[in-house]
PDB file of N, CA and C in Angstrom:
ATOM      1  N   MET A   1     -41.010  -4.643   7.728  1.00  0.00           N
ATOM      2  CA  MET A   1     -40.170  -3.843   6.855  1.00  0.00           C
ATOM      3  C   MET A   1     -40.428  -4.268   5.416  1.00  0.00           C
ATOM      4  N   SER A   2     -40.662  -3.317   4.560  1.00  0.00           N
ATOM      5  CA  SER A   2     -40.967  -3.640   3.171  1.00  0.00           C
ATOM      6  C   SER A   2     -39.713  -4.102   2.442  1.00  0.00           C
ATOM      7  N   TRP A   3     -39.923  -4.739   1.295  1.00  0.00           N
ATOM      8  CA  TRP A   3     -38.778  -5.243   0.537  1.00  0.00           C
ATOM      9  C   TRP A   3     -37.919  -4.112  -0.004  1.00  0.00           C
ATOM     10  N   LYS A   4     -38.515  -2.934  -0.250  1.00  0.00           N
ATOM     11  CA  LYS A   4     -37.736  -1.783  -0.729  1.00  0.00           C
ATOM     12  C   LYS A   4     -36.784  -1.292   0.353  1.00  0.00           C
ATOM     13  N   ARG A   5     -37.275  -1.220   1.575  1.00  0.00           N
ATOM     14  CA  ARG A   5     -36.413  -0.796   2.681  1.00  0.00           C
ATOM     15  C   ARG A   5     -35.318  -1.817   2.933  1.00  0.00           C
ATOM     16  N   ARG A   6     -35.650  -3.075   2.824  1.00  0.00           N
ATOM     17  CA  ARG A   6     -34.628  -4.124   2.995  1.00  0.00           C
ATOM     18  C   ARG A   6     -33.559  -4.029   1.916  1.00  0.00           C
ATOM     19  N   LEU A   7     -34.002  -3.753   0.700  1.00  0.00           N
ATOM     20  CA  LEU A   7     -33.060  -3.616  -0.404  1.00  0.00           C
ATOM     21  C   LEU A   7     -32.140  -2.422  -0.191  1.00  0.00           C
ATOM     22  N   VAL A   8     -32.689  -1.303   0.257  1.00  0.00           N
ATOM     23  CA  VAL A   8     -31.873  -0.111   0.540  1.00  0.00           C
ATOM     24  C   VAL A   8     -30.906  -0.397   1.683  1.00  0.00           C
ATOM     25  N   ALA A   9     -31.369  -1.071   2.728  1.00  0.00           N
ATOM     26  CA  ALA A   9     -30.495  -1.408   3.853  1.00  0.00           C
ATOM     27  C   ALA A   9     -29.377  -2.343   3.404  1.00  0.00           C
ATOM     28  N   LEU A  10     -29.700  -3.334   2.591  1.00  0.00           N
ATOM     29  CA  LEU A  10     -28.701  -4.263   2.084  1.00  0.00           C
ATOM     30  C   LEU A  10     -27.678  -3.549   1.211  1.00  0.00           C
ATOM     31  N   ALA A  11     -28.143  -2.653   0.356  1.00  0.00           N
ATOM     32  CA  ALA A  11     -27.229  -1.889  -0.507  1.00  0.00           C
ATOM     33  C   ALA A  11     -26.306  -1.012   0.332  1.00  0.00           C
ATOM     34  N   SER A  12     -26.827  -0.421   1.396  1.00  0.00           N
ATOM     35  CA  SER A  12     -26.002   0.411   2.277  1.00  0.00           C
ATOM     36  C   SER A  12     -24.921  -0.413   2.961  1.00  0.00           C
ATOM     37  N   VAL A  13     -25.284  -1.600   3.411  1.00  0.00           N
ATOM     38  CA  VAL A  13     -24.307  -2.479   4.049  1.00  0.00           C
ATOM     39  C   VAL A  13     -23.236  -2.912   3.051  1.00  0.00           C
ATOM     40  N   ILE A  14     -23.642  -3.265   1.856  1.00  0.00           N
ATOM     41  CA  ILE A  14     -22.687  -3.702   0.837  1.00  0.00           C
ATOM     42  C   ILE A  14     -21.718  -2.576   0.488  1.00  0.00           C
ATOM     43  N   LEU A  15     -22.222  -1.363   0.329  1.00  0.00           N
ATOM     44  CA  LEU A  15     -21.354  -0.227   0.025  1.00  0.00           C
ATOM     45  C   LEU A  15     -20.403   0.060   1.179  1.00  0.00           C
ATOM     46  N   GLY A  16     -20.878  -0.080   2.405  1.00  0.00           N
ATOM     47  CA  GLY A  16     -20.020   0.148   3.564  1.00  0.00           C
ATOM     48  C   GLY A  16     -18.939  -0.906   3.703  1.00  0.00           C
ATOM     49  N   VAL A  17     -19.279  -2.151   3.413  1.00  0.00           N
ATOM     50  CA  VAL A  17     -18.321  -3.248   3.532  1.00  0.00           C
ATOM     51  C   VAL A  17     -17.287  -3.208   2.414  1.00  0.00           C
ATOM     52  N   SER A  18     -17.665  -2.704   1.266  1.00  0.00           N
ATOM     53  CA  SER A  18     -16.765  -2.739   0.120  1.00  0.00           C
ATOM     54  C   SER A  18     -15.858  -1.513   0.037  1.00  0.00           C
ATOM     55  N   SER A  19     -15.663  -0.819   1.149  1.00  0.00           N
ATOM     56  CA  SER A  19     -14.795   0.350   1.106  1.00  0.00           C
ATOM     57  C   SER A  19     -13.381  -0.058   0.742  1.00  0.00           C
ATOM     58  N   CYS A  20     -12.760   0.739  -0.084  1.00  0.00           N
ATOM     59  CA  CYS A  20     -11.434   0.423  -0.594  1.00  0.00           C
ATOM     60  C   CYS A  20     -10.367   0.852   0.395  1.00  0.00           C
ATOM     61  N   SER A  21      -9.240   0.146   0.328  1.00  0.00           N
ATOM     62  CA  SER A  21      -8.093   0.595   1.098  1.00  0.00           C
ATOM     63  C   SER A  21      -7.431   1.728   0.323  1.00  0.00           C
ATOM     64  N   SER A  22      -6.708   2.565   1.020  1.00  0.00           N
ATOM     65  CA  SER A  22      -6.072   3.692   0.352  1.00  0.00           C
ATOM     66  C   SER A  22      -4.562   3.500   0.328  1.00  0.00           C
ATOM     67  N   THR A  23      -3.920   4.027  -0.718  1.00  0.00           N
ATOM     68  CA  THR A  23      -2.477   3.915  -0.864  1.00  0.00           C
ATOM     69  C   THR A  23      -1.872   5.300  -1.032  1.00  0.00           C
ATOM     70  N   ALA A  24      -0.602   5.406  -0.681  1.00  0.00           N
ATOM     71  CA  ALA A  24       0.145   6.648  -0.851  1.00  0.00           C
ATOM     72  C   ALA A  24       1.595   6.279  -1.167  1.00  0.00           C
ATOM     73  N   GLY A  25       2.279   7.184  -1.811  1.00  0.00           N
ATOM     74  CA  GLY A  25       3.701   6.933  -2.040  1.00  0.00           C
ATOM     75  C   GLY A  25       4.070   7.059  -3.487  1.00  0.00           C
ATOM     76  N   PRO A  26       5.173   6.542  -3.906  1.00  0.00           N
ATOM     77  CA  PRO A  26       6.046   5.602  -3.201  1.00  0.00           C
ATOM     78  C   PRO A  26       6.973   6.307  -2.205  1.00  0.00           C
ATOM     79  N   PHE A  27       7.381   5.533  -1.191  1.00  0.00           N
ATOM     80  CA  PHE A  27       8.298   5.993  -0.170  1.00  0.00           C
ATOM     81  C   PHE A  27       9.499   5.071  -0.131  1.00  0.00           C
ATOM     82  N   VAL A  28      10.668   5.613   0.217  1.00  0.00           N
ATOM     83  CA  VAL A  28      11.857   4.786   0.400  1.00  0.00           C
ATOM     84  C   VAL A  28      11.693   4.049   1.716  1.00  0.00           C
ATOM     85  N   THR A  29      11.741   2.716   1.650  1.00  0.00           N
ATOM     86  CA  THR A  29      11.546   1.917   2.856  1.00  0.00           C
ATOM     87  C   THR A  29      12.829   1.259   3.344  1.00  0.00           C
ATOM     88  N   ASN A  30      13.848   1.167   2.478  1.00  0.00           N
ATOM     89  CA  ASN A  30      15.095   0.521   2.890  1.00  0.00           C
ATOM     90  C   ASN A  30      16.221   0.970   1.962  1.00  0.00           C
ATOM     91  N   ILE A  31      17.389   1.195   2.545  1.00  0.00           N
ATOM     92  CA  ILE A  31      18.611   1.468   1.787  1.00  0.00           C
ATOM     93  C   ILE A  31      19.668   0.529   2.321  1.00  0.00           C
ATOM     94  N   SER A  32      20.300  -0.235   1.427  1.00  0.00           N
ATOM     95  CA  SER A  32      21.331  -1.170   1.857  1.00  0.00           C
ATOM     96  C   SER A  32      22.448  -1.224   0.819  1.00  0.00           C
ATOM     97  N   SER A  33      23.572  -1.795   1.229  1.00  0.00           N
ATOM     98  CA  SER A  33      24.719  -1.953   0.340  1.00  0.00           C
ATOM     99  C   SER A  33      24.500  -3.154  -0.556  1.00  0.00           C
ATOM    100  N   ASP A  34      24.981  -3.053  -1.793  1.00  0.00           N
ATOM    101  CA  ASP A  34      24.897  -4.212  -2.683  1.00  0.00           C
ATOM    102  C   ASP A  34      26.147  -5.079  -2.601  1.00  0.00           C
ATOM    103  N   GLY A  35      27.119  -4.683  -1.764  1.00  0.00           N
ATOM    104  CA  GLY A  35      28.339  -5.465  -1.586  1.00  0.00           C
ATOM    105  C   GLY A  35      29.407  -5.182  -2.632  1.00  0.00           C
ATOM    106  N   ARG A  36      29.139  -4.312  -3.589  1.00  0.00           N
ATOM    107  CA  ARG A  36      30.102  -3.989  -4.652  1.00  0.00           C
ATOM    108  C   ARG A  36      30.345  -2.486  -4.736  1.00  0.00           C
ATOM    109  N   GLY A  37      30.073  -1.768  -3.664  1.00  0.00           N
ATOM    110  CA  GLY A  37      30.280  -0.332  -3.655  1.00  0.00           C
ATOM    111  C   GLY A  37      29.078   0.472  -4.114  1.00  0.00           C
ATOM    112  N   GLY A  38      27.944  -0.151  -4.231  1.00  0.00           N
ATOM    113  CA  GLY A  38      26.724   0.527  -4.650  1.00  0.00           C
ATOM    114  C   GLY A  38      25.644   0.420  -3.593  1.00  0.00           C
ATOM    115  N   LEU A  39      24.495   0.955  -3.904  1.00  0.00           N
ATOM    116  CA  LEU A  39      23.358   0.925  -2.987  1.00  0.00           C
ATOM    117  C   LEU A  39      22.159   0.252  -3.637  1.00  0.00           C
ATOM    118  N   VAL A  40      21.364  -0.392  -2.808  1.00  0.00           N
ATOM    119  CA  VAL A  40      20.074  -0.942  -3.233  1.00  0.00           C
ATOM    120  C   VAL A  40      19.009  -0.128  -2.508  1.00  0.00           C
ATOM    121  N   ILE A  41      18.160   0.555  -3.272  1.00  0.00           N
ATOM    122  CA  ILE A  41      17.099   1.389  -2.719  1.00  0.00           C
ATOM    123  C   ILE A  41      15.781   0.663  -2.937  1.00  0.00           C
ATOM    124  N   GLU A  42      15.047   0.441  -1.860  1.00  0.00           N
ATOM    125  CA  GLU A  42      13.729  -0.192  -1.952  1.00  0.00           C
ATOM    126  C   GLU A  42      12.662   0.877  -1.748  1.00  0.00           C
ATOM    127  N   LYS A  43      11.717   0.960  -2.701  1.00  0.00           N
ATOM    128  CA  LYS A  43      10.599   1.906  -2.617  1.00  0.00           C
ATOM    129  C   LYS A  43       9.300   1.108  -2.635  1.00  0.00           C
ATOM    130  N   CYS A  44       8.392   1.467  -1.741  1.00  0.00           N
ATOM    131  CA  CYS A  44       7.097   0.785  -1.654  1.00  0.00           C
ATOM    132  C   CYS A  44       5.975   1.810  -1.529  1.00  0.00           C
ATOM    133  N   MET A  45       4.808   1.376  -1.897  1.00  0.00           N
ATOM    134  CA  MET A  45       3.600   2.157  -1.644  1.00  0.00           C
ATOM    135  C   MET A  45       3.124   1.806  -0.237  1.00  0.00           C
ATOM    136  N   ALA A  46       2.658   2.795   0.509  1.00  0.00           N
ATOM    137  CA  ALA A  46       2.050   2.553   1.813  1.00  0.00           C
ATOM    138  C   ALA A  46       0.564   2.291   1.583  1.00  0.00           C
ATOM    139  N   LYS A  47       0.056   1.242   2.217  1.00  0.00           N
ATOM    140  CA  LYS A  47      -1.335   0.852   2.020  1.00  0.00           C
ATOM    141  C   LYS A  47      -2.037   0.764   3.377  1.00  0.00           C
ATOM    142  N   PHE A  48      -3.159   1.472   3.503  1.00  0.00           N
ATOM    143  CA  PHE A  48      -3.943   1.448   4.734  1.00  0.00           C
ATOM    144  C   PHE A  48      -5.139   0.532   4.554  1.00  0.00           C
ATOM    145  N   ASP A  49      -5.297  -0.420   5.461  1.00  0.00           N
ATOM    146  CA  ASP A  49      -6.437  -1.339   5.453  1.00  0.00           C
ATOM    147  C   ASP A  49      -7.429  -0.877   6.522  1.00  0.00           C
ATOM    148  N   PRO A  50      -8.571  -0.324   6.102  1.00  0.00           N
ATOM    149  CA  PRO A  50      -9.506   0.225   7.089  1.00  0.00           C
ATOM    150  C   PRO A  50     -10.150  -0.834   7.985  1.00  0.00           C
ATOM    151  N   TRP A  51     -10.254  -2.055   7.532  1.00  0.00           N
ATOM    152  CA  TRP A  51     -10.887  -3.097   8.345  1.00  0.00           C
ATOM    153  C   TRP A  51      -9.991  -3.571   9.471  1.00  0.00           C
ATOM    154  N   MET A  52      -8.706  -3.695   9.175  1.00  0.00           N
ATOM    155  CA  MET A  52      -7.762  -4.161  10.187  1.00  0.00           C
ATOM    156  C   MET A  52      -7.071  -2.998  10.892  1.00  0.00           C
ATOM    157  N   SER A  53      -7.278  -1.789  10.406  1.00  0.00           N
ATOM    158  CA  SER A  53      -6.622  -0.581  10.933  1.00  0.00           C
ATOM    159  C   SER A  53      -5.112  -0.752  10.963  1.00  0.00           C
ATOM    160  N   THR A  54      -4.572  -1.257   9.853  1.00  0.00           N
ATOM    161  CA  THR A  54      -3.130  -1.465   9.747  1.00  0.00           C
ATOM    162  C   THR A  54      -2.590  -0.746   8.514  1.00  0.00           C
ATOM    163  N   VAL A  55      -1.313  -0.435   8.573  1.00  0.00           N
ATOM    164  CA  VAL A  55      -0.603   0.135   7.446  1.00  0.00           C
ATOM    165  C   VAL A  55       0.483  -0.849   7.048  1.00  0.00           C
ATOM    166  N   GLY A  56       0.556  -1.162   5.768  1.00  0.00           N
ATOM    167  CA  GLY A  56       1.560  -2.096   5.271  1.00  0.00           C
ATOM    168  C   GLY A  56       2.138  -1.607   3.960  1.00  0.00           C
ATOM    169  N   ASN A  57       3.100  -2.355   3.449  1.00  0.00           N
ATOM    170  CA  ASN A  57       3.745  -2.022   2.182  1.00  0.00           C
ATOM    171  C   ASN A  57       3.154  -2.857   1.054  1.00  0.00           C
ATOM    172  N   SER A  58       3.101  -2.260  -0.134  1.00  0.00           N
ATOM    173  CA  SER A  58       2.681  -2.994  -1.326  1.00  0.00           C
ATOM    174  C   SER A  58       3.418  -2.422  -2.518  1.00  0.00           C
ATOM    175  N   GLU A  59       3.449  -3.170  -3.590  1.00  0.00           N
ATOM    176  CA  GLU A  59       4.083  -2.745  -4.842  1.00  0.00           C
ATOM    177  C   GLU A  59       5.522  -2.277  -4.633  1.00  0.00           C
ATOM    178  N   CYS A  60       6.324  -3.100  -3.951  1.00  0.00           N
ATOM    179  CA  CYS A  60       7.715  -2.735  -3.663  1.00  0.00           C
ATOM    180  C   CYS A  60       8.588  -2.944  -4.901  1.00  0.00           C
ATOM    181  N   ARG A  61       9.542  -2.026  -5.091  1.00  0.00           N
ATOM    182  CA  ARG A  61      10.486  -2.106  -6.207  1.00  0.00           C
ATOM    183  C   ARG A  61      11.876  -1.759  -5.710  1.00  0.00           C
ATOM    184  N   ASN A  62      12.878  -2.468  -6.229  1.00  0.00           N
ATOM    185  CA  ASN A  62      14.271  -2.207  -5.891  1.00  0.00           C
ATOM    186  C   ASN A  62      14.967  -1.499  -7.033  1.00  0.00           C
ATOM    187  N   THR A  63      15.855  -0.563  -6.682  1.00  0.00           N
ATOM    188  CA  THR A  63      16.660   0.159  -7.668  1.00  0.00           C
ATOM    189  C   THR A  63      18.103   0.089  -7.223  1.00  0.00           C
ATOM    190  N   ASN A  64      19.004  -0.298  -8.116  1.00  0.00           N
ATOM    191  CA  ASN A  64      20.435  -0.335  -7.818  1.00  0.00           C
ATOM    192  C   ASN A  64      21.083   0.955  -8.273  1.00  0.00           C
ATOM    193  N   ILE A  65      21.896   1.548  -7.396  1.00  0.00           N
ATOM    194  CA  ILE A  65      22.636   2.750  -7.731  1.00  0.00           C
ATOM    195  C   ILE A  65      24.124   2.449  -7.527  1.00  0.00           C
ATOM    196  N   GLN A  66      24.897   2.602  -8.586  1.00  0.00           N
ATOM    197  CA  GLN A  66      26.347   2.385  -8.491  1.00  0.00           C
ATOM    198  C   GLN A  66      27.020   3.695  -8.106  1.00  0.00           C
ATOM    199  N   LEU A  67      27.849   3.624  -7.070  1.00  0.00           N
ATOM    200  CA  LEU A  67      28.591   4.789  -6.598  1.00  0.00           C
ATOM    201  C   LEU A  67      30.031   4.676  -7.074  1.00  0.00           C
ATOM    202  N   ARG A  68      30.620   5.803  -7.442  1.00  0.00           N
ATOM    203  CA  ARG A  68      32.021   5.808  -7.838  1.00  0.00           C
ATOM    204  C   ARG A  68      32.783   6.773  -6.936  1.00  0.00           C
ATOM    205  N   THR A  69      33.999   6.414  -6.636  1.00  0.00           N
ATOM    206  CA  THR A  69      34.871   7.321  -5.889  1.00  0.00           C
ATOM    207  C   THR A  69      35.919   7.857  -6.829  1.00  0.00           C
ATOM    208  N   PRO A  70      36.232   9.145  -6.738  1.00  0.00           N
ATOM    209  CA  PRO A  70      37.205   9.733  -7.672  1.00  0.00           C
ATOM    210  C   PRO A  70      38.631   9.288  -7.405  1.00  0.00           C
TER     211      PRO A  70
END
């Protein structure tokens, strides 16, 4: 195999291995009480890892919402 073919094969492998994971969202992942009559909303990005074939959360953020009763 010539060095040019080896170089092309190596470049193909490197490009295949370096595939990026994909993200989507943000999605609401949790809603809970803050203990003072309000809510804590957690939003995260969904992240797919093609090598492990798993979906996980990333870039999570919490938002507090105060509720009032009339």
